[in-house]
Amino acid sequence: MSDRPAFVLHEHHRPRHHFDLRLEERGVLRSWALPKGLPPDVRRDRLAVAVDDHELEHLTYEDADKSIADIGWWELVDSNDRRFVFVLHGREASVRYALIDTGRDWLLHRTREQPGVAYPTG
């Protein structure tokens, strides 16, 4: 088993189509329901509803109504009391996101800064 924390993005087909983002932390999978999936760009934040933690066995779990949309490992970039920034290293890409606690729910934001992309300074 890898010493890097794992993640899985499950796609649920029932009862309503949605995705679940699960991040391994302290022996469980912290989980958020994403009604509209991951944000495709920096202009479209997505609602992320915190749900109960799941057992690590859920990393590879699939059934007739749930499939794995992506799987890999994740790394923490930065955090404070209201948000944490992390990179998902999935099957085909590495993408940086921020989960922001609004006090009621969470927002999932795709950050402007992305791994392997150079930005001009000044």
Protein backbone atom coordinates (compact mmCIF):
# COMPACT_ATOMS: atom_id res chain seq x y z
CA MET A 1 0.00 0.00 0.00
CA SER A 2 1.22 3.50 -0.83
CA ASP A 3 2.21 6.00 1.84
CA ARG A 4 0.39 8.67 -0.19
CA PRO A 5 -3.25 9.28 0.78
CA ALA A 6 -5.73 7.95 -1.75
CA PHE A 7 -8.80 9.54 -3.30
CA VAL A 8 -11.73 8.22 -5.29
CA LEU A 9 -14.40 10.01 -7.27
CA HIS A 10 -17.52 7.87 -7.40
CA GLU A 11 -20.23 8.47 -9.96
CA HIS A 12 -23.70 7.60 -8.67
CA HIS A 13 -26.42 6.89 -11.19
CA ARG A 14 -29.30 6.56 -8.69
CA PRO A 15 -31.40 7.88 -7.04
CA ARG A 16 -30.22 11.12 -8.68
CA HIS A 17 -27.08 11.44 -10.76
CA HIS A 18 -24.22 12.91 -8.70
CA PHE A 19 -20.61 12.33 -7.71
CA ASP A 20 -18.93 11.69 -4.36
CA LEU A 21 -15.39 12.89 -3.67
CA ARG A 22 -13.63 10.81 -1.04
CA LEU A 23 -10.22 11.75 0.43
CA GLU A 24 -8.25 9.38 2.65
CA GLU A 25 -7.40 10.97 5.98
CA ARG A 26 -6.67 9.41 9.38
CA GLY A 27 -7.83 5.94 8.37
CA VAL A 28 -11.16 6.92 6.81
CA LEU A 29 -12.44 8.51 3.63
CA ARG A 30 -13.70 12.05 4.24
CA SER A 31 -16.56 12.48 1.80
CA TRP A 32 -18.47 15.19 -0.03
CA ALA A 33 -21.44 14.78 -2.36
CA LEU A 34 -21.02 16.81 -5.55
CA PRO A 35 -24.44 17.25 -7.21
CA LYS A 36 -22.83 18.61 -10.41
CA GLY A 37 -19.42 16.94 -10.24
CA LEU A 38 -15.99 18.55 -10.24
CA PRO A 39 -15.72 22.15 -11.49
CA PRO A 40 -14.52 22.12 -15.12
CA ASP A 41 -12.82 25.53 -14.87
CA VAL A 42 -12.07 28.39 -12.44
CA ARG A 43 -15.31 30.24 -13.25
CA ARG A 44 -17.66 27.51 -12.03
CA ASP A 45 -17.53 26.61 -8.34
CA ARG A 46 -19.53 23.57 -7.33
CA LEU A 47 -21.55 22.80 -4.24
CA ALA A 48 -19.91 20.13 -2.07
CA VAL A 49 -22.09 18.71 0.71
CA ALA A 50 -20.14 17.02 3.51
CA VAL A 51 -21.44 13.50 4.16
CA ASP A 52 -20.47 10.79 6.62
CA ASP A 53 -16.96 9.39 6.46
CA HIS A 54 -16.62 6.05 4.69
CA GLU A 55 -14.41 3.04 5.38
CA LEU A 56 -11.26 2.66 3.27
CA GLU A 57 -12.83 -0.35 1.52
CA HIS A 58 -14.95 2.18 -0.38
CA LEU A 59 -11.88 3.15 -2.44
CA THR A 60 -12.51 0.32 -4.88
CA TYR A 61 -16.23 -0.27 -4.30
CA GLU A 62 -18.51 -0.38 -7.32
CA ASP A 63 -21.99 -1.78 -7.91
CA ALA A 64 -24.81 -1.48 -10.46
CA ASP A 65 -25.53 2.12 -9.43
CA LYS A 66 -22.03 3.35 -8.47
CA SER A 67 -18.86 3.39 -10.56
CA ILE A 68 -15.37 4.83 -10.13
CA ALA A 69 -15.01 7.96 -12.26
CA ASP A 70 -11.40 8.55 -11.14
CA ILE A 71 -9.00 7.21 -8.54
CA GLY A 72 -5.48 8.05 -7.44
CA TRP A 73 -3.76 9.94 -4.66
CA TRP A 74 -4.02 13.46 -3.29
CA GLU A 75 -1.70 15.93 -1.63
CA LEU A 76 -2.41 18.85 0.67
CA VAL A 77 -1.00 22.16 -0.59
CA ASP A 78 -2.31 24.63 2.01
CA SER A 79 -5.00 24.84 4.69
CA ASN A 80 -6.57 27.02 7.34
CA ASP A 81 -9.79 26.89 9.40
CA ARG A 82 -12.07 27.67 6.44
CA ARG A 83 -10.43 26.06 3.41
CA PHE A 84 -7.91 23.58 2.20
CA VAL A 85 -6.13 23.46 -1.11
CA PHE A 86 -5.15 20.09 -2.54
CA VAL A 87 -4.10 18.35 -5.74
CA LEU A 88 -5.87 15.26 -7.04
CA HIS A 89 -3.44 13.04 -8.94
CA GLY A 90 -5.85 10.94 -10.96
CA ARG A 91 -5.62 8.42 -13.77
CA GLU A 92 -5.12 11.02 -16.51
CA ALA A 93 -4.38 14.38 -14.87
CA SER A 94 -3.34 16.25 -11.74
CA VAL A 95 -5.68 19.10 -10.85
CA ARG A 96 -5.58 21.57 -7.94
CA TYR A 97 -8.79 22.42 -6.07
CA ALA A 98 -9.83 24.28 -2.94
CA LEU A 99 -12.62 23.15 -0.63
CA ILE A 100 -14.06 26.20 1.11
CA ASP A 101 -16.24 25.90 4.22
CA THR A 102 -19.07 28.45 3.91
CA GLY A 103 -20.39 27.66 7.38
CA ARG A 104 -23.39 25.85 5.91
CA ASP A 105 -21.98 23.74 3.11
CA TRP A 106 -18.76 23.64 1.16
CA LEU A 107 -17.75 25.03 -2.22
CA LEU A 108 -15.34 23.17 -4.46
CA HIS A 109 -13.21 25.57 -6.51
CA ARG A 110 -10.75 24.71 -9.29
CA THR A 111 -7.78 26.99 -8.66
CA ARG A 112 -6.11 29.19 -11.25
CA GLU A 113 -2.71 27.77 -10.31
CA GLN A 114 -2.36 24.23 -11.59
CA PRO A 115 0.46 21.67 -11.26
CA GLY A 116 3.03 21.92 -14.02
CA VAL A 117 1.69 25.24 -15.37
CA ALA A 118 3.96 28.27 -15.20
CA TYR A 119 2.35 31.66 -14.55
CA PRO A 120 3.98 35.02 -15.24
CA THR A 121 4.95 37.05 -12.19
CA GLY A 122 4.55 40.75 -11.71
